[in-house]
Amino acid sequence: SHWSYVGYKGGSMPGTISMTYLLESKTGKRACLSMTWNNSQKNVSQDDFFNLVKRTLKFAETQIP
């Protein structure tokens, strides 16, 4: 894994989902990623949101040495 440390806090309720990560690379660089999806008309797709977060974390690996 690229990260030596990953802290996580998430939560959800109908129509809202949120995931926040504290990341530290093996070289000691730190970053924070926080993503929220909100739709007051219907429930959001957890699978779609998880896939988007996963792809964003993979991209972060290429940007943070």
C-alpha atoms as a PDB file:
ATOM      1  CA  SER A   1       0.000   0.000   0.000  1.00  0.00           C
ATOM      2  CA  HIS A   2       1.055   3.581  -0.660  1.00  0.00           C
ATOM      3  CA  TRP A   3      -0.168   4.830   2.702  1.00  0.00           C
ATOM      4  CA  SER A   4       1.570   4.186   6.011  1.00  0.00           C
ATOM      5  CA  TYR A   5      -1.473   5.474   7.891  1.00  0.00           C
ATOM      6  CA  VAL A   6      -5.155   5.838   6.989  1.00  0.00           C
ATOM      7  CA  GLY A   7      -7.658   7.324   9.432  1.00  0.00           C
ATOM      8  CA  TYR A   8     -11.342   7.132   8.535  1.00  0.00           C
ATOM      9  CA  LYS A   9     -14.650   8.641   9.647  1.00  0.00           C
ATOM     10  CA  GLY A  10     -17.854   8.115   7.743  1.00  0.00           C
ATOM     11  CA  GLY A  11     -21.557   8.398   8.165  1.00  0.00           C
ATOM     12  CA  SER A  12     -24.855   8.260   6.366  1.00  0.00           C
ATOM     13  CA  MET A  13     -28.553   8.891   6.653  1.00  0.00           C
ATOM     14  CA  PRO A  14     -31.296   8.746   4.015  1.00  0.00           C
ATOM     15  CA  GLY A  15     -30.223  10.994   1.132  1.00  0.00           C
ATOM     16  CA  THR A  16     -26.721  11.719   2.479  1.00  0.00           C
ATOM     17  CA  ILE A  17     -23.429   9.863   2.702  1.00  0.00           C
ATOM     18  CA  SER A  18     -20.040  11.152   3.834  1.00  0.00           C
ATOM     19  CA  MET A  19     -16.521   9.709   4.003  1.00  0.00           C
ATOM     20  CA  THR A  20     -13.418  11.458   5.359  1.00  0.00           C
ATOM     21  CA  TYR A  21      -9.852  10.153   5.343  1.00  0.00           C
ATOM     22  CA  LEU A  22      -6.634  11.314   6.978  1.00  0.00           C
ATOM     23  CA  LEU A  23      -3.764   9.928   4.918  1.00  0.00           C
ATOM     24  CA  GLU A  24      -0.025   9.717   5.472  1.00  0.00           C
ATOM     25  CA  SER A  25       2.269   8.393   2.758  1.00  0.00           C
ATOM     26  CA  LYS A  26       5.313   6.244   3.485  1.00  0.00           C
ATOM     27  CA  THR A  27       7.456   9.358   2.871  1.00  0.00           C
ATOM     28  CA  GLY A  28       5.612  11.261   5.630  1.00  0.00           C
ATOM     29  CA  LYS A  29       3.432  13.496   3.431  1.00  0.00           C
ATOM     30  CA  ARG A  30      -0.048  14.058   4.860  1.00  0.00           C
ATOM     31  CA  ALA A  31      -3.338  14.712   3.123  1.00  0.00           C
ATOM     32  CA  CYS A  32      -7.035  14.802   3.917  1.00  0.00           C
ATOM     33  CA  LEU A  33      -9.870  13.700   1.653  1.00  0.00           C
ATOM     34  CA  SER A  34     -13.472  14.468   2.540  1.00  0.00           C
ATOM     35  CA  MET A  35     -16.376  13.647   0.232  1.00  0.00           C
ATOM     36  CA  THR A  36     -20.120  14.020   0.755  1.00  0.00           C
ATOM     37  CA  TRP A  37     -23.054  13.209  -1.518  1.00  0.00           C
ATOM     38  CA  ASN A  38     -26.441  14.704  -0.755  1.00  0.00           C
ATOM     39  CA  ASN A  39     -29.803  14.304  -2.498  1.00  0.00           C
ATOM     40  CA  SER A  40     -32.868  15.485  -0.605  1.00  0.00           C
ATOM     41  CA  GLN A  41     -35.245  13.799  -3.082  1.00  0.00           C
ATOM     42  CA  LYS A  42     -34.037  10.183  -2.837  1.00  0.00           C
ATOM     43  CA  ASN A  43     -31.446   7.861  -1.316  1.00  0.00           C
ATOM     44  CA  VAL A  44     -27.991   8.079  -2.836  1.00  0.00           C
ATOM     45  CA  SER A  45     -26.242   5.035  -4.325  1.00  0.00           C
ATOM     46  CA  GLN A  46     -23.671   3.805  -1.809  1.00  0.00           C
ATOM     47  CA  ASP A  47     -21.989   1.637  -4.457  1.00  0.00           C
ATOM     48  CA  ASP A  48     -21.551   4.580  -6.845  1.00  0.00           C
ATOM     49  CA  PHE A  49     -20.238   6.768  -4.032  1.00  0.00           C
ATOM     50  CA  PHE A  50     -17.798   4.112  -2.753  1.00  0.00           C
ATOM     51  CA  ASN A  51     -16.445   3.618  -6.287  1.00  0.00           C
ATOM     52  CA  LEU A  52     -15.919   7.370  -6.700  1.00  0.00           C
ATOM     53  CA  VAL A  53     -14.097   7.617  -3.358  1.00  0.00           C
ATOM     54  CA  LYS A  54     -11.957   4.583  -4.231  1.00  0.00           C
ATOM     55  CA  ARG A  55     -10.949   6.092  -7.586  1.00  0.00           C
ATOM     56  CA  THR A  56     -10.148   9.424  -5.922  1.00  0.00           C
ATOM     57  CA  LEU A  57      -7.923   7.705  -3.341  1.00  0.00           C
ATOM     58  CA  LYS A  58      -6.096   5.846  -6.143  1.00  0.00           C
ATOM     59  CA  PHE A  59      -5.524   9.181  -7.936  1.00  0.00           C
ATOM     60  CA  ALA A  60      -4.210  10.723  -4.692  1.00  0.00           C
ATOM     61  CA  GLU A  61      -1.518   8.034  -4.612  1.00  0.00           C
ATOM     62  CA  THR A  62      -0.125   9.453  -7.856  1.00  0.00           C
ATOM     63  CA  GLN A  63      -0.097  13.029  -6.510  1.00  0.00           C
ATOM     64  CA  ILE A  64       1.336  12.544  -3.018  1.00  0.00           C
ATOM     65  CA  PRO A  65       4.822  11.007  -2.971  1.00  0.00           C
END
